[in-house]
Every structure is written in C-alpha cells, then in structure tokens.
C-alpha cells in the first residue's frame, strides 16, 4: 500500500490502487477493445469463450491454456492488459 502525505495536512492516508483488465483483439485489419473486467479470472474466461465461439473450438479439442497457440497462425491476437483506474 502506498502512503502519501498531504502537504496541507500532515496526516498520512493510504491510496488504494485499483486495476481493471482490458481484453483487446488485434488482427491485420484493426485493433478493438472487446471488454473491461474487474478480475483477471473473468477477463480470461471471456477471452476463452470469445476465441472458442469465433473459431469454433470445443473444450474437448483444446484446453484453455493452449488456445492462444491454437489460433497463432490465424492472424488474430487476443491480449489482456492490466490498467490502473484513476
């Protein structure tokens, strides 16, 4: 936790940083934001669901952790980016 001192008031107060996870999709034509999520887990779940839906890949064929490798040659890149809320 980071503490900052207010120069007008010598009392320290904690600053709690909050983050969101942004799901991006990039292909040869464009880059788009597919969603913003509170947790990494929810962002990953949505990423995998989108990939499975778009490329018609069942869970029995490819496990979640191998989906990025499975679509690597399909000119589509799904990225999760952590961003701090201001």
N, C-alpha and C. Protein backbone atom coordinates (compact mmCIF):
# COMPACT_ATOMS: atom_id res chain seq x y z
N UNK A 1 0.84 -1.16 0.00
CA UNK A 1 0.00 0.00 0.00
C UNK A 1 0.89 1.23 0.00
N UNK A 2 0.59 2.20 -0.80
CA UNK A 2 1.37 3.42 -0.90
C UNK A 2 0.77 4.46 0.03
N UNK A 3 1.61 5.19 0.72
CA UNK A 3 1.15 6.29 1.57
C UNK A 3 1.65 7.60 0.99
N UNK A 4 0.78 8.57 0.95
CA UNK A 4 1.15 9.91 0.50
C UNK A 4 0.86 10.89 1.63
N UNK A 5 1.65 11.92 1.69
CA UNK A 5 1.42 12.96 2.68
C UNK A 5 0.81 14.16 1.99
N UNK A 6 -0.31 14.61 2.50
CA UNK A 6 -0.95 15.81 2.01
C UNK A 6 -0.18 16.98 2.59
N UNK A 7 0.34 17.86 1.75
CA UNK A 7 1.17 18.96 2.25
C UNK A 7 0.37 19.95 3.07
N UNK A 8 -0.94 20.02 2.88
CA UNK A 8 -1.78 20.92 3.67
C UNK A 8 -2.17 20.29 5.00
N UNK A 9 -2.09 18.99 5.09
CA UNK A 9 -2.46 18.27 6.30
C UNK A 9 -1.41 17.19 6.51
N UNK A 10 -0.67 17.24 7.58
CA UNK A 10 0.45 16.30 7.77
C UNK A 10 0.06 14.86 8.07
N UNK A 11 -1.24 14.53 8.01
CA UNK A 11 -1.67 13.17 8.30
C UNK A 11 -1.50 12.30 7.04
N UNK A 12 -0.85 11.16 7.21
CA UNK A 12 -0.71 10.22 6.09
C UNK A 12 -2.03 9.53 5.83
N UNK A 13 -2.33 9.26 4.57
CA UNK A 13 -3.52 8.49 4.23
C UNK A 13 -3.17 7.49 3.15
N UNK A 14 -3.74 6.30 3.22
CA UNK A 14 -3.41 5.27 2.23
C UNK A 14 -4.12 5.53 0.90
N UNK A 15 -3.43 5.20 -0.18
CA UNK A 15 -4.01 5.26 -1.51
C UNK A 15 -4.10 3.83 -2.01
N UNK A 16 -5.31 3.38 -2.24
CA UNK A 16 -5.50 2.01 -2.71
C UNK A 16 -5.64 2.03 -4.23
N UNK A 17 -4.73 1.38 -4.89
CA UNK A 17 -4.77 1.34 -6.34
C UNK A 17 -5.74 0.25 -6.79
N UNK A 18 -6.56 0.59 -7.76
CA UNK A 18 -7.48 -0.38 -8.32
C UNK A 18 -7.15 -0.59 -9.79
N UNK A 19 -7.33 -1.82 -10.22
CA UNK A 19 -6.99 -2.18 -11.59
C UNK A 19 -8.19 -2.84 -12.28
N UNK A 20 -8.21 -2.73 -13.59
CA UNK A 20 -9.15 -3.46 -14.43
C UNK A 20 -8.33 -4.18 -15.49
N UNK A 21 -8.96 -5.13 -16.15
CA UNK A 21 -8.30 -5.89 -17.20
C UNK A 21 -9.06 -5.65 -18.50
N UNK A 22 -8.33 -5.20 -19.51
CA UNK A 22 -8.92 -4.85 -20.80
C UNK A 22 -8.61 -5.96 -21.79
N UNK A 23 -9.64 -6.47 -22.42
CA UNK A 23 -9.48 -7.52 -23.43
C UNK A 23 -9.43 -6.88 -24.80
N UNK A 24 -8.31 -7.06 -25.48
CA UNK A 24 -8.09 -6.48 -26.81
C UNK A 24 -7.98 -7.59 -27.84
N UNK A 25 -8.45 -7.29 -29.05
CA UNK A 25 -8.28 -8.20 -30.18
C UNK A 25 -7.62 -7.44 -31.31
N UNK A 26 -6.56 -8.00 -31.84
CA UNK A 26 -5.84 -7.37 -32.94
C UNK A 26 -5.73 -8.36 -34.08
N UNK A 27 -6.05 -7.89 -35.29
CA UNK A 27 -5.84 -8.68 -36.50
C UNK A 27 -5.25 -7.77 -37.56
N UNK A 28 -5.12 -8.25 -38.78
CA UNK A 28 -4.48 -7.45 -39.83
C UNK A 28 -5.28 -6.20 -40.19
N UNK A 29 -6.57 -6.17 -39.86
CA UNK A 29 -7.41 -5.03 -40.24
C UNK A 29 -7.53 -3.96 -39.16
N UNK A 30 -7.59 -4.37 -37.90
CA UNK A 30 -7.77 -3.37 -36.85
C UNK A 30 -7.47 -3.94 -35.47
N UNK A 31 -7.60 -3.06 -34.49
CA UNK A 31 -7.49 -3.42 -33.09
C UNK A 31 -8.75 -2.93 -32.41
N UNK A 32 -9.37 -3.80 -31.60
CA UNK A 32 -10.57 -3.37 -30.92
C UNK A 32 -10.59 -3.84 -29.48
N UNK A 33 -11.27 -3.07 -28.66
CA UNK A 33 -11.46 -3.41 -27.26
C UNK A 33 -12.73 -4.25 -27.17
N UNK A 34 -12.61 -5.45 -26.62
CA UNK A 34 -13.75 -6.35 -26.51
C UNK A 34 -14.44 -6.27 -25.15
N UNK A 35 -13.77 -5.70 -24.16
CA UNK A 35 -14.39 -5.57 -22.85
C UNK A 35 -13.41 -5.17 -21.78
N UNK A 36 -13.99 -4.74 -20.66
CA UNK A 36 -13.21 -4.35 -19.49
C UNK A 36 -13.77 -5.13 -18.30
N UNK A 37 -12.88 -5.74 -17.52
CA UNK A 37 -13.29 -6.67 -16.46
C UNK A 37 -12.62 -6.32 -15.14
N UNK A 38 -13.32 -6.60 -14.05
CA UNK A 38 -12.79 -6.31 -12.72
C UNK A 38 -11.71 -7.29 -12.29
N UNK A 39 -11.83 -8.54 -12.72
CA UNK A 39 -10.86 -9.55 -12.28
C UNK A 39 -10.18 -10.19 -13.49
N UNK A 40 -8.97 -10.66 -13.25
CA UNK A 40 -8.24 -11.37 -14.30
C UNK A 40 -8.98 -12.65 -14.68
N UNK A 41 -9.53 -13.33 -13.70
CA UNK A 41 -10.24 -14.58 -13.96
C UNK A 41 -11.43 -14.37 -14.90
N UNK A 42 -12.23 -13.34 -14.65
CA UNK A 42 -13.39 -13.08 -15.52
C UNK A 42 -12.93 -12.66 -16.91
N UNK A 43 -11.85 -11.91 -17.00
CA UNK A 43 -11.32 -11.49 -18.30
C UNK A 43 -10.81 -12.70 -19.09
N UNK A 44 -10.10 -13.61 -18.42
CA UNK A 44 -9.60 -14.82 -19.09
C UNK A 44 -10.75 -15.70 -19.56
N UNK A 45 -11.75 -15.87 -18.71
CA UNK A 45 -12.90 -16.70 -19.09
C UNK A 45 -13.61 -16.14 -20.32
N UNK A 46 -13.78 -14.84 -20.37
CA UNK A 46 -14.43 -14.22 -21.53
C UNK A 46 -13.55 -14.33 -22.77
N UNK A 47 -12.26 -14.16 -22.61
CA UNK A 47 -11.31 -14.31 -23.73
C UNK A 47 -11.44 -15.71 -24.34
N UNK A 48 -11.42 -16.73 -23.48
CA UNK A 48 -11.51 -18.10 -23.98
C UNK A 48 -12.86 -18.37 -24.64
N UNK A 49 -13.92 -17.83 -24.07
CA UNK A 49 -15.26 -18.03 -24.65
C UNK A 49 -15.35 -17.36 -26.03
N UNK A 50 -14.79 -16.18 -26.17
CA UNK A 50 -14.81 -15.47 -27.46
C UNK A 50 -14.02 -16.25 -28.50
N UNK A 51 -12.83 -16.71 -28.12
CA UNK A 51 -11.99 -17.47 -29.07
C UNK A 51 -12.71 -18.75 -29.49
N UNK A 52 -13.27 -19.47 -28.54
CA UNK A 52 -13.97 -20.71 -28.87
C UNK A 52 -15.15 -20.47 -29.79
N UNK A 53 -15.89 -19.40 -29.55
CA UNK A 53 -17.04 -19.07 -30.38
C UNK A 53 -16.60 -18.64 -31.79
N UNK A 54 -15.62 -17.77 -31.86
CA UNK A 54 -15.18 -17.24 -33.16
C UNK A 54 -14.57 -18.31 -34.06
N UNK A 55 -13.77 -19.19 -33.47
CA UNK A 55 -13.06 -20.19 -34.26
C UNK A 55 -13.65 -21.59 -34.15
N UNK A 56 -14.78 -21.70 -33.48
CA UNK A 56 -15.50 -22.97 -33.33
C UNK A 56 -14.57 -24.08 -32.80
N UNK A 57 -14.00 -23.81 -31.63
CA UNK A 57 -13.09 -24.76 -30.98
C UNK A 57 -13.75 -25.24 -29.69
N UNK A 58 -13.97 -26.52 -29.58
CA UNK A 58 -14.61 -27.05 -28.37
C UNK A 58 -13.58 -27.23 -27.25
N UNK A 59 -14.09 -27.31 -26.03
CA UNK A 59 -13.22 -27.54 -24.86
C UNK A 59 -12.57 -28.91 -24.91
N UNK A 60 -13.23 -29.87 -25.55
CA UNK A 60 -12.68 -31.22 -25.66
C UNK A 60 -11.49 -31.25 -26.63
N UNK A 61 -11.51 -30.37 -27.62
CA UNK A 61 -10.41 -30.33 -28.61
C UNK A 61 -9.14 -29.71 -28.03
N UNK A 62 -9.31 -28.54 -27.41
CA UNK A 62 -8.15 -27.76 -26.96
C UNK A 62 -8.44 -27.18 -25.58
N UNK A 63 -7.55 -27.39 -24.60
CA UNK A 63 -7.76 -26.78 -23.29
C UNK A 63 -7.53 -25.27 -23.34
N UNK A 64 -8.08 -24.55 -22.39
CA UNK A 64 -7.98 -23.08 -22.38
C UNK A 64 -6.55 -22.58 -22.50
N UNK A 65 -5.63 -23.18 -21.75
CA UNK A 65 -4.25 -22.68 -21.73
C UNK A 65 -3.52 -22.85 -23.06
N UNK A 66 -4.09 -23.60 -24.00
CA UNK A 66 -3.45 -23.81 -25.32
C UNK A 66 -4.18 -23.08 -26.45
N UNK A 67 -5.22 -22.32 -26.12
CA UNK A 67 -5.99 -21.65 -27.18
C UNK A 67 -5.17 -20.63 -27.95
N UNK A 68 -4.33 -19.86 -27.26
CA UNK A 68 -3.51 -18.87 -27.97
C UNK A 68 -2.61 -19.54 -29.01
N UNK A 69 -2.03 -20.67 -28.65
CA UNK A 69 -1.18 -21.41 -29.59
C UNK A 69 -2.01 -21.95 -30.77
N UNK A 70 -3.23 -22.38 -30.47
CA UNK A 70 -4.10 -22.95 -31.49
C UNK A 70 -4.47 -21.93 -32.58
N UNK A 71 -4.62 -20.67 -32.19
CA UNK A 71 -5.03 -19.65 -33.18
C UNK A 71 -3.87 -18.77 -33.63
N UNK A 72 -2.65 -19.10 -33.25
CA UNK A 72 -1.48 -18.27 -33.56
C UNK A 72 -1.32 -18.01 -35.05
N UNK A 73 -1.64 -18.97 -35.88
CA UNK A 73 -1.45 -18.79 -37.33
C UNK A 73 -2.71 -18.26 -38.03
N UNK A 74 -3.70 -17.83 -37.26
CA UNK A 74 -4.96 -17.35 -37.83
C UNK A 74 -5.05 -15.83 -37.87
N UNK A 75 -3.95 -15.14 -37.66
CA UNK A 75 -3.88 -13.68 -37.74
C UNK A 75 -4.87 -12.99 -36.79
N UNK A 76 -5.01 -13.51 -35.60
CA UNK A 76 -5.85 -12.88 -34.57
C UNK A 76 -5.13 -13.04 -33.24
N UNK A 77 -4.98 -11.93 -32.53
CA UNK A 77 -4.27 -11.94 -31.27
C UNK A 77 -5.17 -11.34 -30.19
N UNK A 78 -5.42 -12.10 -29.15
CA UNK A 78 -6.24 -11.66 -28.03
C UNK A 78 -5.32 -11.40 -26.85
N UNK A 79 -5.39 -10.19 -26.33
CA UNK A 79 -4.46 -9.78 -25.28
C UNK A 79 -5.23 -9.20 -24.10
N UNK A 80 -4.78 -9.52 -22.90
CA UNK A 80 -5.32 -8.91 -21.69
C UNK A 80 -4.30 -7.90 -21.17
N UNK A 81 -4.77 -6.69 -20.93
CA UNK A 81 -3.89 -5.62 -20.48
C UNK A 81 -4.42 -5.11 -19.14
N UNK A 82 -3.55 -5.06 -18.14
CA UNK A 82 -3.96 -4.53 -16.84
C UNK A 82 -3.78 -3.01 -16.85
N UNK A 83 -4.83 -2.31 -16.44
CA UNK A 83 -4.81 -0.84 -16.41
C UNK A 83 -5.24 -0.35 -15.03
N UNK A 84 -4.55 0.66 -14.55
CA UNK A 84 -4.88 1.26 -13.26
C UNK A 84 -6.04 2.25 -13.43
N UNK A 85 -6.99 2.18 -12.52
CA UNK A 85 -8.08 3.16 -12.51
C UNK A 85 -7.56 4.44 -11.87
N UNK A 86 -7.95 5.53 -12.43
CA UNK A 86 -7.51 6.82 -11.88
C UNK A 86 -8.55 7.39 -10.94
